[in-house]
Amino acid sequence: MIVCVCRSISDREIARHARAGMSFDDIQFELGVATQCGQCESCAREVHAQCACSGGVAALHCESSTVKESAEWPNSSSVAA
């Protein structure tokens, strides 16, 4: 979805930069988002806030010192090589 109409910046572009560890100010400087009319700033900041903290890392269930496979993930023996 286009967040910044003035600069044609999508939520995906903002998210990609946020996941790369860029601050909102850095993204603003790099992409120009929320630098013209300002109507998109709250939405752009919200996208940044949602994506900056999410690491996209799979959750592991640990018991003592061993790691178990989650039920959501197929066993490595059931995956065709």
PDB file of N, CA and C in Angstrom:
ATOM      1  N   MET A   1       0.849  -1.172   0.000  1.00  0.00           N
ATOM      2  CA  MET A   1       0.000   0.000   0.000  1.00  0.00           C
ATOM      3  C   MET A   1       0.898   1.239   0.000  1.00  0.00           C
ATOM      4  N   ILE A   2       0.491   2.223  -0.751  1.00  0.00           N
ATOM      5  CA  ILE A   2       1.241   3.480  -0.789  1.00  0.00           C
ATOM      6  C   ILE A   2       0.940   4.266   0.488  1.00  0.00           C
ATOM      7  N   VAL A   3       1.995   4.606   1.212  1.00  0.00           N
ATOM      8  CA  VAL A   3       1.862   5.388   2.440  1.00  0.00           C
ATOM      9  C   VAL A   3       2.053   6.866   2.122  1.00  0.00           C
ATOM     10  N   CYS A   4       3.094   7.172   1.382  1.00  0.00           N
ATOM     11  CA  CYS A   4       3.410   8.561   1.029  1.00  0.00           C
ATOM     12  C   CYS A   4       3.084   8.780  -0.443  1.00  0.00           C
ATOM     13  N   VAL A   5       2.002   9.483  -0.695  1.00  0.00           N
ATOM     14  CA  VAL A   5       1.577   9.742  -2.068  1.00  0.00           C
ATOM     15  C   VAL A   5       2.529  10.725  -2.746  1.00  0.00           C
ATOM     16  N   CYS A   6       3.012  11.698  -2.016  1.00  0.00           N
ATOM     17  CA  CYS A   6       3.903  12.708  -2.594  1.00  0.00           C
ATOM     18  C   CYS A   6       5.165  12.082  -3.177  1.00  0.00           C
ATOM     19  N   ARG A   7       5.715  11.085  -2.487  1.00  0.00           N
ATOM     20  CA  ARG A   7       6.977  10.455  -2.907  1.00  0.00           C
ATOM     21  C   ARG A   7       6.794   9.030  -3.432  1.00  0.00           C
ATOM     22  N   SER A   8       5.557   8.555  -3.475  1.00  0.00           N
ATOM     23  CA  SER A   8       5.243   7.183  -3.915  1.00  0.00           C
ATOM     24  C   SER A   8       6.033   6.139  -3.122  1.00  0.00           C
ATOM     25  N   ILE A   9       5.954   6.233  -1.793  1.00  0.00           N
ATOM     26  CA  ILE A   9       6.654   5.311  -0.898  1.00  0.00           C
ATOM     27  C   ILE A   9       5.638   4.334  -0.323  1.00  0.00           C
ATOM     28  N   SER A  10       5.933   3.053  -0.457  1.00  0.00           N
ATOM     29  CA  SER A  10       5.012   2.024   0.037  1.00  0.00           C
ATOM     30  C   SER A  10       5.369   1.598   1.461  1.00  0.00           C
ATOM     31  N   ASP A  11       4.423   0.913   2.082  1.00  0.00           N
ATOM     32  CA  ASP A  11       4.669   0.365   3.415  1.00  0.00           C
ATOM     33  C   ASP A  11       5.773  -0.685   3.366  1.00  0.00           C
ATOM     34  N   ARG A  12       5.888  -1.399   2.255  1.00  0.00           N
ATOM     35  CA  ARG A  12       6.938  -2.414   2.113  1.00  0.00           C
ATOM     36  C   ARG A  12       8.331  -1.788   2.118  1.00  0.00           C
ATOM     37  N   GLU A  13       8.469  -0.637   1.475  1.00  0.00           N
ATOM     38  CA  GLU A  13       9.767   0.044   1.465  1.00  0.00           C
ATOM     39  C   GLU A  13      10.142   0.506   2.868  1.00  0.00           C
ATOM     40  N   ILE A  14       9.180   1.072   3.582  1.00  0.00           N
ATOM     41  CA  ILE A  14       9.425   1.524   4.954  1.00  0.00           C
ATOM     42  C   ILE A  14       9.778   0.328   5.821  1.00  0.00           C
ATOM     43  N   ALA A  15       9.017  -0.757   5.693  1.00  0.00           N
ATOM     44  CA  ALA A  15       9.253  -1.963   6.490  1.00  0.00           C
ATOM     45  C   ALA A  15      10.635  -2.546   6.218  1.00  0.00           C
ATOM     46  N   ARG A  16      11.026  -2.604   4.951  1.00  0.00           N
ATOM     47  CA  ARG A  16      12.336  -3.161   4.589  1.00  0.00           C
ATOM     48  C   ARG A  16      13.464  -2.365   5.247  1.00  0.00           C
ATOM     49  N   HIS A  17      13.360  -1.054   5.213  1.00  0.00           N
ATOM     50  CA  HIS A  17      14.383  -0.212   5.829  1.00  0.00           C
ATOM     51  C   HIS A  17      14.363  -0.339   7.355  1.00  0.00           C
ATOM     52  N   ALA A  18      13.169  -0.430   7.929  1.00  0.00           N
ATOM     53  CA  ALA A  18      13.056  -0.571   9.385  1.00  0.00           C
ATOM     54  C   ALA A  18      13.664  -1.890   9.847  1.00  0.00           C
ATOM     55  N   ARG A  19      13.396  -2.968   9.106  1.00  0.00           N
ATOM     56  CA  ARG A  19      13.963  -4.280   9.457  1.00  0.00           C
ATOM     57  C   ARG A  19      15.480  -4.299   9.308  1.00  0.00           C
ATOM     58  N   ALA A  20      15.994  -3.423   8.469  1.00  0.00           N
ATOM     59  CA  ALA A  20      17.443  -3.311   8.294  1.00  0.00           C
ATOM     60  C   ALA A  20      18.088  -2.534   9.443  1.00  0.00           C
ATOM     61  N   GLY A  21      17.254  -2.032  10.353  1.00  0.00           N
ATOM     62  CA  GLY A  21      17.769  -1.339  11.536  1.00  0.00           C
ATOM     63  C   GLY A  21      17.812   0.172  11.433  1.00  0.00           C
ATOM     64  N   MET A  22      17.230   0.726  10.387  1.00  0.00           N
ATOM     65  CA  MET A  22      17.245   2.178  10.227  1.00  0.00           C
ATOM     66  C   MET A  22      16.221   2.842  11.142  1.00  0.00           C
ATOM     67  N   SER A  23      16.581   3.979  11.692  1.00  0.00           N
ATOM     68  CA  SER A  23      15.643   4.755  12.499  1.00  0.00           C
ATOM     69  C   SER A  23      14.658   5.449  11.564  1.00  0.00           C
ATOM     70  N   PHE A  24      13.579   5.973  12.133  1.00  0.00           N
ATOM     71  CA  PHE A  24      12.611   6.678  11.291  1.00  0.00           C
ATOM     72  C   PHE A  24      13.250   7.895  10.634  1.00  0.00           C
ATOM     73  N   ASP A  25      14.089   8.608  11.380  1.00  0.00           N
ATOM     74  CA  ASP A  25      14.764   9.781  10.815  1.00  0.00           C
ATOM     75  C   ASP A  25      15.649   9.393   9.636  1.00  0.00           C
ATOM     76  N   ASP A  26      16.345   8.253   9.750  1.00  0.00           N
ATOM     77  CA  ASP A  26      17.181   7.778   8.648  1.00  0.00           C
ATOM     78  C   ASP A  26      16.337   7.429   7.429  1.00  0.00           C
ATOM     79  N   ILE A  27      15.195   6.776   7.672  1.00  0.00           N
ATOM     80  CA  ILE A  27      14.292   6.413   6.576  1.00  0.00           C
ATOM     81  C   ILE A  27      13.732   7.670   5.920  1.00  0.00           C
ATOM     82  N   GLN A  28      13.404   8.641   6.734  1.00  0.00           N
ATOM     83  CA  GLN A  28      12.894   9.910   6.216  1.00  0.00           C
ATOM     84  C   GLN A  28      13.935  10.570   5.309  1.00  0.00           C
ATOM     85  N   PHE A  29      15.185  10.545   5.738  1.00  0.00           N
ATOM     86  CA  PHE A  29      16.263  11.138   4.944  1.00  0.00           C
ATOM     87  C   PHE A  29      16.501  10.339   3.659  1.00  0.00           C
ATOM     88  N   GLU A  30      16.517   9.021   3.776  1.00  0.00           N
ATOM     89  CA  GLU A  30      16.801   8.142   2.631  1.00  0.00           C
ATOM     90  C   GLU A  30      15.687   8.155   1.577  1.00  0.00           C
ATOM     91  N   LEU A  31      14.438   8.004   2.040  1.00  0.00           N
ATOM     92  CA  LEU A  31      13.312   7.866   1.105  1.00  0.00           C
ATOM     93  C   LEU A  31      12.554   9.165   0.851  1.00  0.00           C
ATOM     94  N   GLY A  32      12.639  10.094   1.793  1.00  0.00           N
ATOM     95  CA  GLY A  32      11.885  11.338   1.660  1.00  0.00           C
ATOM     96  C   GLY A  32      10.457  11.229   2.157  1.00  0.00           C
ATOM     97  N   VAL A  33      10.137  10.120   2.823  1.00  0.00           N
ATOM     98  CA  VAL A  33       8.781   9.927   3.334  1.00  0.00           C
ATOM     99  C   VAL A  33       8.475  10.981   4.402  1.00  0.00           C
ATOM    100  N   ALA A  34       7.266  11.514   4.363  1.00  0.00           N
ATOM    101  CA  ALA A  34       6.784  12.504   5.338  1.00  0.00           C
ATOM    102  C   ALA A  34       7.622  13.780   5.343  1.00  0.00           C
ATOM    103  N   THR A  35       8.127  14.170   4.173  1.00  0.00           N
ATOM    104  CA  THR A  35       8.919  15.402   4.106  1.00  0.00           C
ATOM    105  C   THR A  35       8.249  16.500   3.282  1.00  0.00           C
ATOM    106  N   GLN A  36       7.116  16.181   2.645  1.00  0.00           N
ATOM    107  CA  GLN A  36       6.451  17.213   1.854  1.00  0.00           C
ATOM    108  C   GLN A  36       5.194  17.695   2.582  1.00  0.00           C
ATOM    109  N   CYS A  37       4.058  17.082   2.331  1.00  0.00           N
ATOM    110  CA  CYS A  37       2.810  17.587   2.933  1.00  0.00           C
ATOM    111  C   CYS A  37       2.645  17.121   4.383  1.00  0.00           C
ATOM    112  N   GLY A  38       3.273  15.992   4.758  1.00  0.00           N
ATOM    113  CA  GLY A  38       3.224  15.519   6.142  1.00  0.00           C
ATOM    114  C   GLY A  38       2.013  14.685   6.508  1.00  0.00           C
ATOM    115  N   GLN A  39       1.089  14.490   5.576  1.00  0.00           N
ATOM    116  CA  GLN A  39      -0.131  13.734   5.884  1.00  0.00           C
ATOM    117  C   GLN A  39       0.153  12.263   6.192  1.00  0.00           C
ATOM    118  N   CYS A  40       1.264  11.736   5.715  1.00  0.00           N
ATOM    119  CA  CYS A  40       1.558  10.312   5.883  1.00  0.00           C
ATOM    120  C   CYS A  40       2.414  10.007   7.111  1.00  0.00           C
ATOM    121  N   GLU A  41       2.850  11.019   7.825  1.00  0.00           N
ATOM    122  CA  GLU A  41       3.830  10.797   8.888  1.00  0.00           C
ATOM    123  C   GLU A  41       3.359   9.823   9.954  1.00  0.00           C
ATOM    124  N   SER A  42       2.130   9.945  10.415  1.00  0.00           N
ATOM    125  CA  SER A  42       1.664   9.049  11.482  1.00  0.00           C
ATOM    126  C   SER A  42       1.597   7.609  10.987  1.00  0.00           C
ATOM    127  N   CYS A  43       1.135   7.397   9.765  1.00  0.00           N
ATOM    128  CA  CYS A  43       1.069   6.052   9.200  1.00  0.00           C
ATOM    129  C   CYS A  43       2.479   5.489   8.984  1.00  0.00           C
ATOM    130  N   ALA A  44       3.374   6.309   8.453  1.00  0.00           N
ATOM    131  CA  ALA A  44       4.749   5.881   8.221  1.00  0.00           C
ATOM    132  C   ALA A  44       5.442   5.522   9.524  1.00  0.00           C
ATOM    133  N   ARG A  45       5.221   6.321  10.561  1.00  0.00           N
ATOM    134  CA  ARG A  45       5.811   6.014  11.874  1.00  0.00           C
ATOM    135  C   ARG A  45       5.234   4.726  12.454  1.00  0.00           C
ATOM    136  N   GLU A  46       3.946   4.494  12.233  1.00  0.00           N
ATOM    137  CA  GLU A  46       3.317   3.271  12.717  1.00  0.00           C
ATOM    138  C   GLU A  46       3.903   2.039  12.022  1.00  0.00           C
ATOM    139  N   VAL A  47       4.082   2.111  10.711  1.00  0.00           N
ATOM    140  CA  VAL A  47       4.697   1.004   9.965  1.00  0.00           C
ATOM    141  C   VAL A  47       6.109   0.771  10.487  1.00  0.00           C
ATOM    142  N   HIS A  48       6.856   1.838  10.685  1.00  0.00           N
ATOM    143  CA  HIS A  48       8.220   1.718  11.210  1.00  0.00           C
ATOM    144  C   HIS A  48       8.215   1.058  12.582  1.00  0.00           C
ATOM    145  N   ALA A  49       7.337   1.502  13.459  1.00  0.00           N
ATOM    146  CA  ALA A  49       7.282   0.949  14.815  1.00  0.00           C
ATOM    147  C   ALA A  49       6.940  -0.541  14.805  1.00  0.00           C
ATOM    148  N   GLN A  50       6.040  -0.949  13.946  1.00  0.00           N
ATOM    149  CA  GLN A  50       5.650  -2.355  13.867  1.00  0.00           C
ATOM    150  C   GLN A  50       6.774  -3.221  13.334  1.00  0.00           C
ATOM    151  N   CYS A  51       7.556  -2.697  12.420  1.00  0.00           N
ATOM    152  CA  CYS A  51       8.579  -3.507  11.746  1.00  0.00           C
ATOM    153  C   CYS A  51       9.960  -3.409  12.383  1.00  0.00           C
ATOM    154  N   ALA A  52      10.223  -2.345  13.092  1.00  0.00           N
ATOM    155  CA  ALA A  52      11.550  -2.168  13.679  1.00  0.00           C
ATOM    156  C   ALA A  52      11.817  -3.182  14.777  1.00  0.00           C
ATOM    157  N   CYS A  53      10.779  -3.599  15.478  1.00  0.00           N
ATOM    158  CA  CYS A  53      10.963  -4.524  16.599  1.00  0.00           C
ATOM    159  C   CYS A  53      10.812  -5.971  16.191  1.00  0.00           C
ATOM    160  N   SER A  54      10.076  -6.242  15.123  1.00  0.00           N
ATOM    161  CA  SER A  54       9.886  -7.629  14.706  1.00  0.00           C
ATOM    162  C   SER A  54      11.092  -8.092  13.937  1.00  0.00           C
ATOM    163  N   GLY A  55      11.683  -9.174  14.405  1.00  0.00           N
ATOM    164  CA  GLY A  55      12.903  -9.655  13.793  1.00  0.00           C
ATOM    165  C   GLY A  55      12.692 -10.728  12.756  1.00  0.00           C
ATOM    166  N   GLY A  56      11.482 -11.267  12.649  1.00  0.00           N
ATOM    167  CA  GLY A  56      11.264 -12.329  11.705  1.00  0.00           C
ATOM    168  C   GLY A  56      11.994 -13.603  12.073  1.00  0.00           C
ATOM    169  N   VAL A  57      12.184 -13.813  13.357  1.00  0.00           N
ATOM    170  CA  VAL A  57      12.928 -14.971  13.837  1.00  0.00           C
ATOM    171  C   VAL A  57      11.945 -16.027  14.306  1.00  0.00           C
ATOM    172  N   ALA A  58      12.202 -17.279  13.947  1.00  0.00           N
ATOM    173  CA  ALA A  58      11.334 -18.374  14.357  1.00  0.00           C
ATOM    174  C   ALA A  58      11.470 -18.605  15.858  1.00  0.00           C
ATOM    175  N   ALA A  59      10.353 -18.867  16.489  1.00  0.00           N
ATOM    176  CA  ALA A  59      10.362 -19.136  17.928  1.00  0.00           C
ATOM    177  C   ALA A  59      10.790 -20.571  18.173  1.00  0.00           C
ATOM    178  N   LEU A  60      11.637 -20.767  19.149  1.00  0.00           N
ATOM    179  CA  LEU A  60      12.088 -22.101  19.530  1.00  0.00           C
ATOM    180  C   LEU A  60      11.538 -22.427  20.903  1.00  0.00           C
ATOM    181  N   HIS A  61      11.113 -23.662  21.074  1.00  0.00           N
ATOM    182  CA  HIS A  61      10.636 -24.119  22.367  1.00  0.00           C
ATOM    183  C   HIS A  61      11.759 -24.900  23.027  1.00  0.00           C
ATOM    184  N   CYS A  62      12.252 -24.414  24.151  1.00  0.00           N
ATOM    185  CA  CYS A  62      13.387 -25.051  24.806  1.00  0.00           C
ATOM    186  C   CYS A  62      12.951 -25.721  26.102  1.00  0.00           C
ATOM    187  N   GLU A  63      13.479 -26.913  26.316  1.00  0.00           N
ATOM    188  CA  GLU A  63      13.323 -27.608  27.589  1.00  0.00           C
ATOM    189  C   GLU A  63      14.717 -27.983  28.048  1.00  0.00           C
ATOM    190  N   SER A  64      15.070 -27.561  29.215  1.00  0.00           N
ATOM    191  CA  SER A  64      16.407 -27.701  29.777  1.00  0.00           C
ATOM    192  C   SER A  64      17.443 -27.255  28.752  1.00  0.00           C
ATOM    193  N   SER A  65      18.328 -28.132  28.312  1.00  0.00           N
ATOM    194  CA  SER A  65      19.371 -27.700  27.383  1.00  0.00           C
ATOM    195  C   SER A  65      19.144 -28.212  25.965  1.00  0.00           C
ATOM    196  N   THR A  66      17.978 -28.801  25.693  1.00  0.00           N
ATOM    197  CA  THR A  66      17.722 -29.315  24.349  1.00  0.00           C
ATOM    198  C   THR A  66      16.689 -28.450  23.647  1.00  0.00           C
ATOM    199  N   VAL A  67      16.744 -28.425  22.346  1.00  0.00           N
ATOM    200  CA  VAL A  67      15.797 -27.671  21.535  1.00  0.00           C
ATOM    201  C   VAL A  67      14.865 -28.659  20.863  1.00  0.00           C
ATOM    202  N   LYS A  68      13.555 -28.428  20.988  1.00  0.00           N
ATOM    203  CA  LYS A  68      12.559 -29.298  20.364  1.00  0.00           C
ATOM    204  C   LYS A  68      11.944 -28.589  19.176  1.00  0.00           C
ATOM    205  N   GLU A  69      11.553 -29.352  18.164  1.00  0.00           N
ATOM    206  CA  GLU A  69      10.862 -28.777  17.028  1.00  0.00           C
ATOM    207  C   GLU A  69       9.428 -28.452  17.417  1.00  0.00           C
ATOM    208  N   SER A  70       8.969 -27.316  16.966  1.00  0.00           N
ATOM    209  CA  SER A  70       7.596 -26.916  17.222  1.00  0.00           C
ATOM    210  C   SER A  70       6.661 -27.735  16.339  1.00  0.00           C
ATOM    211  N   ALA A  71       5.420 -27.921  16.758  1.00  0.00           N
ATOM    212  CA  ALA A  71       4.446 -28.680  15.985  1.00  0.00           C
ATOM    213  C   ALA A  71       4.114 -28.001  14.677  1.00  0.00           C
ATOM    214  N   GLU A  72       4.320 -26.666  14.583  1.00  0.00           N
ATOM    215  CA  GLU A  72       4.004 -25.923  13.364  1.00  0.00           C
ATOM    216  C   GLU A  72       5.012 -26.212  12.247  1.00  0.00           C
ATOM    217  N   TRP A  73       6.196 -26.657  12.588  1.00  0.00           N
ATOM    218  CA  TRP A  73       7.256 -26.885  11.613  1.00  0.00           C
ATOM    219  C   TRP A  73       7.351 -28.368  11.310  1.00  0.00           C
ATOM    220  N   PRO A  74       7.531 -28.735  10.041  1.00  0.00           N
ATOM    221  CA  PRO A  74       7.661 -30.153   9.715  1.00  0.00           C
ATOM    222  C   PRO A  74       8.997 -30.695  10.234  1.00  0.00           C
ATOM    223  N   ASN A  75       9.010 -31.978  10.557  1.00  0.00           N
ATOM    224  CA  ASN A  75      10.243 -32.624  10.977  1.00  0.00           C
ATOM    225  C   ASN A  75      11.198 -32.657   9.792  1.00  0.00           C
ATOM    226  N   SER A  76      12.470 -32.598  10.070  1.00  0.00           N
ATOM    227  CA  SER A  76      13.431 -32.585   8.974  1.00  0.00           C
ATOM    228  C   SER A  76      13.379 -33.884   8.191  1.00  0.00           C
ATOM    229  N   SER A  77      12.954 -35.000   8.807  1.00  0.00           N
ATOM    230  CA  SER A  77      12.876 -36.267   8.093  1.00  0.00           C
ATOM    231  C   SER A  77      11.671 -36.306   7.148  1.00  0.00           C
ATOM    232  N   SER A  78      10.667 -35.432   7.366  1.00  0.00           N
ATOM    233  CA  SER A  78       9.482 -35.438   6.509  1.00  0.00           C
ATOM    234  C   SER A  78       9.609 -34.497   5.322  1.00  0.00           C
ATOM    235  N   VAL A  79      10.705 -33.733   5.271  1.00  0.00           N
ATOM    236  CA  VAL A  79      10.925 -32.793   4.180  1.00  0.00           C
ATOM    237  C   VAL A  79      11.735 -33.497   3.105  1.00  0.00           C
ATOM    238  N   ALA A  80      11.243 -33.467   1.875  1.00  0.00           N
ATOM    239  CA  ALA A  80      11.947 -34.123   0.770  1.00  0.00           C
ATOM    240  C   ALA A  80      13.213 -33.364   0.441  1.00  0.00           C
ATOM    241  N   ALA A  81      14.281 -34.089   0.228  1.00  0.00           N
ATOM    242  CA  ALA A  81      15.572 -33.452  -0.072  1.00  0.00           C
ATOM    243  C   ALA A  81      15.741 -33.203  -1.547  1.00  0.00           C
TER     244      ALA A  81
END
